[in-house]
Amino acid sequence: VITSVTQVFPGKYTIIYDLLDTSSRLMDILPEYTIDGVTWLTMSQSDGGDPSTQLSSSPAGTSHVFNWDARQDLTGTIQFQDFRIVARIVSV
């Protein structure tokens, strides 16, 4: 669940999200964006924030941070239609 998005300066976004799982299993995430609403592309991670693998979760939600380097992903005018964070349970 994405709880907050802040553009910290042009081309850099901080995305705060919660990972929820009733069994508190570890999760990996795949942060993605789309410029056309059809094709999803992987976001480039900037400095800081949490890694994208082996993240904790909980029934109430565990907060994590992803810092997106949109300037690296988008050329010209920085425009995107939408973004998402896809979470997957880590195989044991």
PDB file of N, CA and C in Angstrom:
ATOM      1  N   VAL A   1       0.845  -1.169   0.000  1.00  0.00           N
ATOM      2  CA  VAL A   1       0.000   0.000   0.000  1.00  0.00           C
ATOM      3  C   VAL A   1       0.896   1.241   0.000  1.00  0.00           C
ATOM      4  N   ILE A   2       0.787   2.077  -1.017  1.00  0.00           N
ATOM      5  CA  ILE A   2       1.561   3.314  -1.061  1.00  0.00           C
ATOM      6  C   ILE A   2       0.880   4.329  -0.148  1.00  0.00           C
ATOM      7  N   THR A   3       1.651   4.883   0.787  1.00  0.00           N
ATOM      8  CA  THR A   3       1.069   5.809   1.763  1.00  0.00           C
ATOM      9  C   THR A   3       1.461   7.258   1.521  1.00  0.00           C
ATOM     10  N   SER A   4       2.574   7.488   0.795  1.00  0.00           N
ATOM     11  CA  SER A   4       3.037   8.861   0.588  1.00  0.00           C
ATOM     12  C   SER A   4       4.002   8.914  -0.589  1.00  0.00           C
ATOM     13  N   VAL A   5       3.894   9.980  -1.370  1.00  0.00           N
ATOM     14  CA  VAL A   5       4.840  10.239  -2.465  1.00  0.00           C
ATOM     15  C   VAL A   5       5.242  11.695  -2.381  1.00  0.00           C
ATOM     16  N   THR A   6       6.551  11.936  -2.367  1.00  0.00           N
ATOM     17  CA  THR A   6       7.068  13.294  -2.288  1.00  0.00           C
ATOM     18  C   THR A   6       8.126  13.488  -3.361  1.00  0.00           C
ATOM     19  N   GLN A   7       8.003  14.572  -4.127  1.00  0.00           N
ATOM     20  CA  GLN A   7       9.062  14.917  -5.067  1.00  0.00           C
ATOM     21  C   GLN A   7      10.056  15.767  -4.292  1.00  0.00           C
ATOM     22  N   VAL A   8      11.194  15.157  -3.917  1.00  0.00           N
ATOM     23  CA  VAL A   8      12.154  15.836  -3.056  1.00  0.00           C
ATOM     24  C   VAL A   8      12.932  16.909  -3.804  1.00  0.00           C
ATOM     25  N   PHE A   9      13.140  16.736  -5.086  1.00  0.00           N
ATOM     26  CA  PHE A   9      13.588  17.753  -6.012  1.00  0.00           C
ATOM     27  C   PHE A   9      13.337  17.228  -7.414  1.00  0.00           C
ATOM     28  N   PRO A  10      13.421  18.054  -8.455  1.00  0.00           N
ATOM     29  CA  PRO A  10      13.035  17.595  -9.793  1.00  0.00           C
ATOM     30  C   PRO A  10      13.718  16.282 -10.184  1.00  0.00           C
ATOM     31  N   GLY A  11      12.888  15.305 -10.547  1.00  0.00           N
ATOM     32  CA  GLY A  11      13.394  14.021 -10.999  1.00  0.00           C
ATOM     33  C   GLY A  11      13.683  13.013  -9.902  1.00  0.00           C
ATOM     34  N   LYS A  12      13.467  13.380  -8.652  1.00  0.00           N
ATOM     35  CA  LYS A  12      13.699  12.468  -7.523  1.00  0.00           C
ATOM     36  C   LYS A  12      12.439  12.405  -6.669  1.00  0.00           C
ATOM     37  N   TYR A  13      11.945  11.181  -6.468  1.00  0.00           N
ATOM     38  CA  TYR A  13      10.736  10.970  -5.686  1.00  0.00           C
ATOM     39  C   TYR A  13      11.019  10.015  -4.532  1.00  0.00           C
ATOM     40  N   THR A  14      10.436  10.306  -3.381  1.00  0.00           N
ATOM     41  CA  THR A  14      10.467   9.390  -2.246  1.00  0.00           C
ATOM     42  C   THR A  14       9.077   8.789  -2.112  1.00  0.00           C
ATOM     43  N   ILE A  15       9.019   7.455  -2.191  1.00  0.00           N
ATOM     44  CA  ILE A  15       7.752   6.730  -2.113  1.00  0.00           C
ATOM     45  C   ILE A  15       7.762   5.913  -0.818  1.00  0.00           C
ATOM     46  N   ILE A  16       6.817   6.187   0.049  1.00  0.00           N
ATOM     47  CA  ILE A  16       6.682   5.445   1.297  1.00  0.00           C
ATOM     48  C   ILE A  16       5.515   4.481   1.119  1.00  0.00           C
ATOM     49  N   TYR A  17       5.745   3.230   1.472  1.00  0.00           N
ATOM     50  CA  TYR A  17       4.728   2.199   1.279  1.00  0.00           C
ATOM     51  C   TYR A  17       4.776   1.208   2.434  1.00  0.00           C
ATOM     52  N   ASP A  18       3.668   0.518   2.641  1.00  0.00           N
ATOM     53  CA  ASP A  18       3.559  -0.510   3.675  1.00  0.00           C
ATOM     54  C   ASP A  18       3.432  -1.882   3.016  1.00  0.00           C
ATOM     55  N   LEU A  19       4.121  -2.866   3.581  1.00  0.00           N
ATOM     56  CA  LEU A  19       3.965  -4.253   3.149  1.00  0.00           C
ATOM     57  C   LEU A  19       3.136  -4.989   4.187  1.00  0.00           C
ATOM     58  N   LEU A  20       2.008  -5.548   3.743  1.00  0.00           N
ATOM     59  CA  LEU A  20       1.096  -6.258   4.632  1.00  0.00           C
ATOM     60  C   LEU A  20       1.060  -7.742   4.276  1.00  0.00           C
ATOM     61  N   ASP A  21       1.146  -8.578   5.289  1.00  0.00           N
ATOM     62  CA  ASP A  21       1.009 -10.017   5.109  1.00  0.00           C
ATOM     63  C   ASP A  21       0.591 -10.610   6.446  1.00  0.00           C
ATOM     64  N   THR A  22      -0.455 -11.419   6.448  1.00  0.00           N
ATOM     65  CA  THR A  22      -0.970 -11.984   7.696  1.00  0.00           C
ATOM     66  C   THR A  22       0.025 -12.902   8.379  1.00  0.00           C
ATOM     67  N   SER A  23       0.986 -13.452   7.616  1.00  0.00           N
ATOM     68  CA  SER A  23       1.998 -14.346   8.185  1.00  0.00           C
ATOM     69  C   SER A  23       3.358 -13.680   8.359  1.00  0.00           C
ATOM     70  N   SER A  24       3.425 -12.380   8.124  1.00  0.00           N
ATOM     71  CA  SER A  24       4.666 -11.594   8.297  1.00  0.00           C
ATOM     72  C   SER A  24       5.854 -12.178   7.534  1.00  0.00           C
ATOM     73  N   ARG A  25       5.600 -12.632   6.305  1.00  0.00           N
ATOM     74  CA  ARG A  25       6.668 -13.218   5.492  1.00  0.00           C
ATOM     75  C   ARG A  25       7.524 -12.133   4.840  1.00  0.00           C
ATOM     76  N   LEU A  26       8.754 -12.489   4.487  1.00  0.00           N
ATOM     77  CA  LEU A  26       9.636 -11.581   3.763  1.00  0.00           C
ATOM     78  C   LEU A  26       9.116 -11.385   2.343  1.00  0.00           C
ATOM     79  N   MET A  27       9.355 -10.180   1.818  1.00  0.00           N
ATOM     80  CA  MET A  27       8.870  -9.862   0.473  1.00  0.00           C
ATOM     81  C   MET A  27       9.952  -9.164  -0.332  1.00  0.00           C
ATOM     82  N   ASP A  28       9.871  -9.335  -1.642  1.00  0.00           N
ATOM     83  CA  ASP A  28      10.647  -8.560  -2.597  1.00  0.00           C
ATOM     84  C   ASP A  28       9.671  -7.617  -3.277  1.00  0.00           C
ATOM     85  N   ILE A  29      10.169  -6.474  -3.749  1.00  0.00           N
ATOM     86  CA  ILE A  29       9.297  -5.554  -4.485  1.00  0.00           C
ATOM     87  C   ILE A  29       9.855  -5.300  -5.876  1.00  0.00           C
ATOM     88  N   LEU A  30       8.958  -4.936  -6.778  1.00  0.00           N
ATOM     89  CA  LEU A  30       9.309  -4.500  -8.115  1.00  0.00           C
ATOM     90  C   LEU A  30       8.612  -3.161  -8.343  1.00  0.00           C
ATOM     91  N   PRO A  31       9.339  -2.050  -8.181  1.00  0.00           N
ATOM     92  CA  PRO A  31       8.742  -0.731  -8.420  1.00  0.00           C
ATOM     93  C   PRO A  31       8.694  -0.456  -9.924  1.00  0.00           C
ATOM     94  N   GLU A  32       7.531  -0.054 -10.416  1.00  0.00           N
ATOM     95  CA  GLU A  32       7.352   0.153 -11.844  1.00  0.00           C
ATOM     96  C   GLU A  32       6.616   1.463 -12.123  1.00  0.00           C
ATOM     97  N   TYR A  33       6.824   1.981 -13.340  1.00  0.00           N
ATOM     98  CA  TYR A  33       6.110   3.176 -13.802  1.00  0.00           C
ATOM     99  C   TYR A  33       5.659   2.935 -15.237  1.00  0.00           C
ATOM    100  N   THR A  34       4.675   3.721 -15.677  1.00  0.00           N
ATOM    101  CA  THR A  34       4.208   3.652 -17.054  1.00  0.00           C
ATOM    102  C   THR A  34       4.063   5.066 -17.600  1.00  0.00           C
ATOM    103  N   ILE A  35       4.398   5.210 -18.870  1.00  0.00           N
ATOM    104  CA  ILE A  35       4.203   6.511 -19.520  1.00  0.00           C
ATOM    105  C   ILE A  35       3.027   6.470 -20.489  1.00  0.00           C
ATOM    106  N   ASP A  36       2.534   5.250 -20.773  1.00  0.00           N
ATOM    107  CA  ASP A  36       1.424   5.121 -21.727  1.00  0.00           C
ATOM    108  C   ASP A  36       0.207   4.397 -21.151  1.00  0.00           C
ATOM    109  N   GLY A  37       0.298   3.937 -19.892  1.00  0.00           N
ATOM    110  CA  GLY A  37      -0.813   3.232 -19.278  1.00  0.00           C
ATOM    111  C   GLY A  37      -0.914   1.763 -19.669  1.00  0.00           C
ATOM    112  N   VAL A  38       0.025   1.287 -20.500  1.00  0.00           N
ATOM    113  CA  VAL A  38      -0.002  -0.099 -20.964  1.00  0.00           C
ATOM    114  C   VAL A  38       1.281  -0.832 -20.585  1.00  0.00           C
ATOM    115  N   THR A  39       2.399  -0.269 -20.950  1.00  0.00           N
ATOM    116  CA  THR A  39       3.700  -0.896 -20.715  1.00  0.00           C
ATOM    117  C   THR A  39       4.271  -0.425 -19.393  1.00  0.00           C
ATOM    118  N   TRP A  40       4.687  -1.370 -18.547  1.00  0.00           N
ATOM    119  CA  TRP A  40       5.267  -1.053 -17.246  1.00  0.00           C
ATOM    120  C   TRP A  40       6.771  -1.263 -17.301  1.00  0.00           C
ATOM    121  N   LEU A  41       7.523  -0.305 -16.776  1.00  0.00           N
ATOM    122  CA  LEU A  41       8.985  -0.322 -16.777  1.00  0.00           C
ATOM    123  C   LEU A  41       9.494  -0.244 -15.338  1.00  0.00           C
ATOM    124  N   THR A  42      10.652  -0.839 -15.097  1.00  0.00           N
ATOM    125  CA  THR A  42      11.227  -0.849 -13.754  1.00  0.00           C
ATOM    126  C   THR A  42      11.813   0.514 -13.402  1.00  0.00           C
ATOM    127  N   MET A  43      11.509   0.997 -12.204  1.00  0.00           N
ATOM    128  CA  MET A  43      12.056   2.268 -11.717  1.00  0.00           C
ATOM    129  C   MET A  43      13.524   2.092 -11.330  1.00  0.00           C
ATOM    130  N   SER A  44      14.329   3.108 -11.596  1.00  0.00           N
ATOM    131  CA  SER A  44      15.719   3.133 -11.124  1.00  0.00           C
ATOM    132  C   SER A  44      15.735   3.655  -9.696  1.00  0.00           C
ATOM    133  N   GLN A  45      16.476   2.982  -8.836  1.00  0.00           N
ATOM    134  CA  GLN A  45      16.547   3.385  -7.436  1.00  0.00           C
ATOM    135  C   GLN A  45      17.671   4.400  -7.253  1.00  0.00           C
ATOM    136  N   SER A  46      17.380   5.472  -6.527  1.00  0.00           N
ATOM    137  CA  SER A  46      18.410   6.454  -6.184  1.00  0.00           C
ATOM    138  C   SER A  46      18.939   6.138  -4.785  1.00  0.00           C
ATOM    139  N   ASP A  47      19.850   6.950  -4.323  1.00  0.00           N
ATOM    140  CA  ASP A  47      20.483   6.727  -3.022  1.00  0.00           C
ATOM    141  C   ASP A  47      19.460   6.757  -1.889  1.00  0.00           C
ATOM    142  N   GLY A  48      19.772   6.005  -0.851  1.00  0.00           N
ATOM    143  CA  GLY A  48      18.926   5.988   0.341  1.00  0.00           C
ATOM    144  C   GLY A  48      17.750   5.052   0.177  1.00  0.00           C
ATOM    145  N   GLY A  49      16.917   5.013   1.181  1.00  0.00           N
ATOM    146  CA  GLY A  49      15.754   4.141   1.152  1.00  0.00           C
ATOM    147  C   GLY A  49      16.111   2.703   1.475  1.00  0.00           C
ATOM    148  N   ASP A  50      15.133   1.829   1.326  1.00  0.00           N
ATOM    149  CA  ASP A  50      15.294   0.414   1.618  1.00  0.00           C
ATOM    150  C   ASP A  50      15.698  -0.349   0.363  1.00  0.00           C
ATOM    151  N   PRO A  51      16.282  -1.538   0.542  1.00  0.00           N
ATOM    152  CA  PRO A  51      16.564  -2.371  -0.632  1.00  0.00           C
ATOM    153  C   PRO A  51      15.245  -2.863  -1.230  1.00  0.00           C
ATOM    154  N   SER A  52      15.313  -3.572  -2.336  1.00  0.00           N
ATOM    155  CA  SER A  52      14.084  -4.068  -2.957  1.00  0.00           C
ATOM    156  C   SER A  52      13.865  -5.561  -2.698  1.00  0.00           C
ATOM    157  N   THR A  53      14.745  -6.177  -1.908  1.00  0.00           N
ATOM    158  CA  THR A  53      14.610  -7.604  -1.616  1.00  0.00           C
ATOM    159  C   THR A  53      14.652  -7.851  -0.112  1.00  0.00           C
ATOM    160  N   GLN A  54      14.046  -8.988   0.283  1.00  0.00           N
ATOM    161  CA  GLN A  54      14.087  -9.440   1.674  1.00  0.00           C
ATOM    162  C   GLN A  54      13.535  -8.394   2.650  1.00  0.00           C
ATOM    163  N   LEU A  55      12.400  -7.826   2.310  1.00  0.00           N
ATOM    164  CA  LEU A  55      11.783  -6.787   3.138  1.00  0.00           C
ATOM    165  C   LEU A  55      10.774  -7.397   4.105  1.00  0.00           C
ATOM    166  N   SER A  56      10.712  -6.855   5.301  1.00  0.00           N
ATOM    167  CA  SER A  56       9.787  -7.356   6.314  1.00  0.00           C
ATOM    168  C   SER A  56       8.360  -6.887   6.027  1.00  0.00           C
ATOM    169  N   SER A  57       7.411  -7.672   6.496  1.00  0.00           N
ATOM    170  CA  SER A  57       5.997  -7.334   6.402  1.00  0.00           C
ATOM    171  C   SER A  57       5.333  -7.697   7.728  1.00  0.00           C
ATOM    172  N   SER A  58       4.095  -7.281   7.894  1.00  0.00           N
ATOM    173  CA  SER A  58       3.345  -7.628   9.102  1.00  0.00           C
ATOM    174  C   SER A  58       1.853  -7.517   8.786  1.00  0.00           C
ATOM    175  N   PRO A  59       1.004  -8.092   9.639  1.00  0.00           N
ATOM    176  CA  PRO A  59      -0.437  -7.990   9.406  1.00  0.00           C
ATOM    177  C   PRO A  59      -0.932  -6.536   9.384  1.00  0.00           C
ATOM    178  N   ALA A  60      -0.347  -5.678  10.196  1.00  0.00           N
ATOM    179  CA  ALA A  60      -0.755  -4.277  10.247  1.00  0.00           C
ATOM    180  C   ALA A  60      -0.049  -3.426   9.200  1.00  0.00           C
ATOM    181  N   GLY A  61       1.021  -3.956   8.618  1.00  0.00           N
ATOM    182  CA  GLY A  61       1.797  -3.224   7.623  1.00  0.00           C
ATOM    183  C   GLY A  61       3.110  -2.738   8.194  1.00  0.00           C
ATOM    184  N   THR A  62       4.191  -2.966   7.464  1.00  0.00           N
ATOM    185  CA  THR A  62       5.519  -2.498   7.842  1.00  0.00           C
ATOM    186  C   THR A  62       5.954  -1.457   6.816  1.00  0.00           C
ATOM    187  N   SER A  63       6.322  -0.279   7.287  1.00  0.00           N
ATOM    188  CA  SER A  63       6.645   0.839   6.412  1.00  0.00           C
ATOM    189  C   SER A  63       8.048   0.703   5.815  1.00  0.00           C
ATOM    190  N   HIS A  64       8.152   1.032   4.514  1.00  0.00           N
ATOM    191  CA  HIS A  64       9.421   1.025   3.794  1.00  0.00           C
ATOM    192  C   HIS A  64       9.487   2.249   2.894  1.00  0.00           C
ATOM    193  N   VAL A  65      10.709   2.538   2.407  1.00  0.00           N
ATOM    194  CA  VAL A  65      10.932   3.708   1.551  1.00  0.00           C
ATOM    195  C   VAL A  65      11.646   3.280   0.281  1.00  0.00           C
ATOM    196  N   PHE A  66      11.140   3.743  -0.870  1.00  0.00           N
ATOM    197  CA  PHE A  66      11.824   3.577  -2.142  1.00  0.00           C
ATOM    198  C   PHE A  66      12.082   4.961  -2.712  1.00  0.00           C
ATOM    199  N   ASN A  67      13.335   5.247  -3.045  1.00  0.00           N
ATOM    200  CA  ASN A  67      13.697   6.522  -3.663  1.00  0.00           C
ATOM    201  C   ASN A  67      13.882   6.295  -5.156  1.00  0.00           C
ATOM    202  N   TRP A  68      13.028   6.954  -5.945  1.00  0.00           N
ATOM    203  CA  TRP A  68      13.016   6.769  -7.395  1.00  0.00           C
ATOM    204  C   TRP A  68      13.817   7.867  -8.077  1.00  0.00           C
ATOM    205  N   ASP A  69      14.764   7.454  -8.929  1.00  0.00           N
ATOM    206  CA  ASP A  69      15.531   8.377  -9.761  1.00  0.00           C
ATOM    207  C   ASP A  69      14.824   8.488 -11.110  1.00  0.00           C
ATOM    208  N   ALA A  70      13.742   9.258 -11.145  1.00  0.00           N
ATOM    209  CA  ALA A  70      12.940   9.401 -12.358  1.00  0.00           C
ATOM    210  C   ALA A  70      13.727  10.074 -13.477  1.00  0.00           C
ATOM    211  N   ARG A  71      14.649  10.921 -13.134  1.00  0.00           N
ATOM    212  CA  ARG A  71      15.452  11.605 -14.156  1.00  0.00           C
ATOM    213  C   ARG A  71      16.257  10.595 -14.979  1.00  0.00           C
ATOM    214  N   GLN A  72      16.702   9.524 -14.333  1.00  0.00           N
ATOM    215  CA  GLN A  72      17.442   8.486 -15.048  1.00  0.00           C
ATOM    216  C   GLN A  72      16.522   7.699 -15.987  1.00  0.00           C
ATOM    217  N   ASP A  73      15.268   7.524 -15.592  1.00  0.00           N
ATOM    218  CA  ASP A  73      14.324   6.716 -16.372  1.00  0.00           C
ATOM    219  C   ASP A  73      13.618   7.496 -17.476  1.00  0.00           C
ATOM    220  N   LEU A  74      13.406   8.771 -17.265  1.00  0.00           N
ATOM    221  CA  LEU A  74      12.615   9.569 -18.200  1.00  0.00           C
ATOM    222  C   LEU A  74      13.498  10.613 -18.868  1.00  0.00           C
ATOM    223  N   THR A  75      13.320  10.784 -20.158  1.00  0.00           N
ATOM    224  CA  THR A  75      14.104  11.791 -20.876  1.00  0.00           C
ATOM    225  C   THR A  75      13.219  12.979 -21.216  1.00  0.00           C
ATOM    226  N   GLY A  76      13.853  14.126 -21.412  1.00  0.00           N
ATOM    227  CA  GLY A  76      13.086  15.325 -21.748  1.00  0.00           C
ATOM    228  C   GLY A  76      12.234  15.773 -20.582  1.00  0.00           C
ATOM    229  N   THR A  77      11.021  16.149 -20.856  1.00  0.00           N
ATOM    230  CA  THR A  77      10.087  16.554 -19.819  1.00  0.00           C
ATOM    231  C   THR A  77       9.731  15.339 -18.973  1.00  0.00           C
ATOM    232  N   ILE A  78       9.879  15.467 -17.676  1.00  0.00           N
ATOM    233  CA  ILE A  78       9.620  14.341 -16.786  1.00  0.00           C
ATOM    234  C   ILE A  78       8.118  14.189 -16.615  1.00  0.00           C
ATOM    235  N   GLN A  79       7.568  13.199 -17.344  1.00  0.00           N
ATOM    236  CA  GLN A  79       6.138  12.923 -17.257  1.00  0.00           C
ATOM    237  C   GLN A  79       5.929  11.423 -17.223  1.00  0.00           C
ATOM    238  N   PHE A  80       5.067  10.989 -16.364  1.00  0.00           N
ATOM    239  CA  PHE A  80       4.668   9.589 -16.317  1.00  0.00           C
ATOM    240  C   PHE A  80       3.196   9.556 -15.974  1.00  0.00           C
ATOM    241  N   GLN A  81       2.543   8.476 -16.373  1.00  0.00           N
ATOM    242  CA  GLN A  81       1.104   8.385 -16.148  1.00  0.00           C
ATOM    243  C   GLN A  81       0.771   7.801 -14.785  1.00  0.00           C
ATOM    244  N   ASP A  82       1.537   6.788 -14.380  1.00  0.00           N
ATOM    245  CA  ASP A  82       1.223   6.120 -13.125  1.00  0.00           C
ATOM    246  C   ASP A  82       2.440   5.334 -12.662  1.00  0.00           C
ATOM    247  N   PHE A  83       2.411   4.886 -11.421  1.00  0.00           N
ATOM    248  CA  PHE A  83       3.450   4.002 -10.912  1.00  0.00           C
ATOM    249  C   PHE A  83       2.829   3.053  -9.907  1.00  0.00           C
ATOM    250  N   ARG A  84       3.566   1.977  -9.629  1.00  0.00           N
ATOM    251  CA  ARG A  84       3.076   0.977  -8.685  1.00  0.00           C
ATOM    252  C   ARG A  84       4.264   0.256  -8.071  1.00  0.00           C
ATOM    253  N   ILE A  85       4.013  -0.371  -6.939  1.00  0.00           N
ATOM    254  CA  ILE A  85       5.017  -1.236  -6.310  1.00  0.00           C
ATOM    255  C   ILE A  85       4.371  -2.606  -6.183  1.00  0.00           C
ATOM    256  N   VAL A  86       4.938  -3.566  -6.903  1.00  0.00           N
ATOM    257  CA  VAL A  86       4.441  -4.937  -6.905  1.00  0.00           C
ATOM    258  C   VAL A  86       5.247  -5.719  -5.866  1.00  0.00           C
ATOM    259  N   ALA A  87       4.557  -6.323  -4.911  1.00  0.00           N
ATOM    260  CA  ALA A  87       5.225  -7.098  -3.856  1.00  0.00           C
ATOM    261  C   ALA A  87       5.031  -8.586  -4.125  1.00  0.00           C
ATOM    262  N   ARG A  88       6.102  -9.331  -3.870  1.00  0.00           N
ATOM    263  CA  ARG A  88       6.064 -10.793  -4.018  1.00  0.00           C
ATOM    264  C   ARG A  88       6.625 -11.431  -2.772  1.00  0.00           C
ATOM    265  N   ILE A  89       5.986 -12.475  -2.307  1.00  0.00           N
ATOM    266  CA  ILE A  89       6.480 -13.212  -1.145  1.00  0.00           C
ATOM    267  C   ILE A  89       7.752 -13.952  -1.536  1.00  0.00           C
ATOM    268  N   VAL A  90       8.756 -13.866  -0.693  1.00  0.00           N
ATOM    269  CA  VAL A  90      10.032 -14.534  -0.947  1.00  0.00           C
ATOM    270  C   VAL A  90       9.850 -16.038  -0.761  1.00  0.00           C
ATOM    271  N   SER A  91      10.320 -16.816  -1.713  1.00  0.00           N
ATOM    272  CA  SER A  91      10.259 -18.274  -1.604  1.00  0.00           C
ATOM    273  C   SER A  91      11.156 -18.746  -0.483  1.00  0.00           C
ATOM    274  N   VAL A  92      10.687 -19.700   0.272  1.00  0.00           N
ATOM    275  CA  VAL A  92      11.456 -20.228   1.400  1.00  0.00           C
ATOM    276  C   VAL A  92      12.232 -21.441   0.969  1.00  0.00           C
TER     277      VAL A  92
END
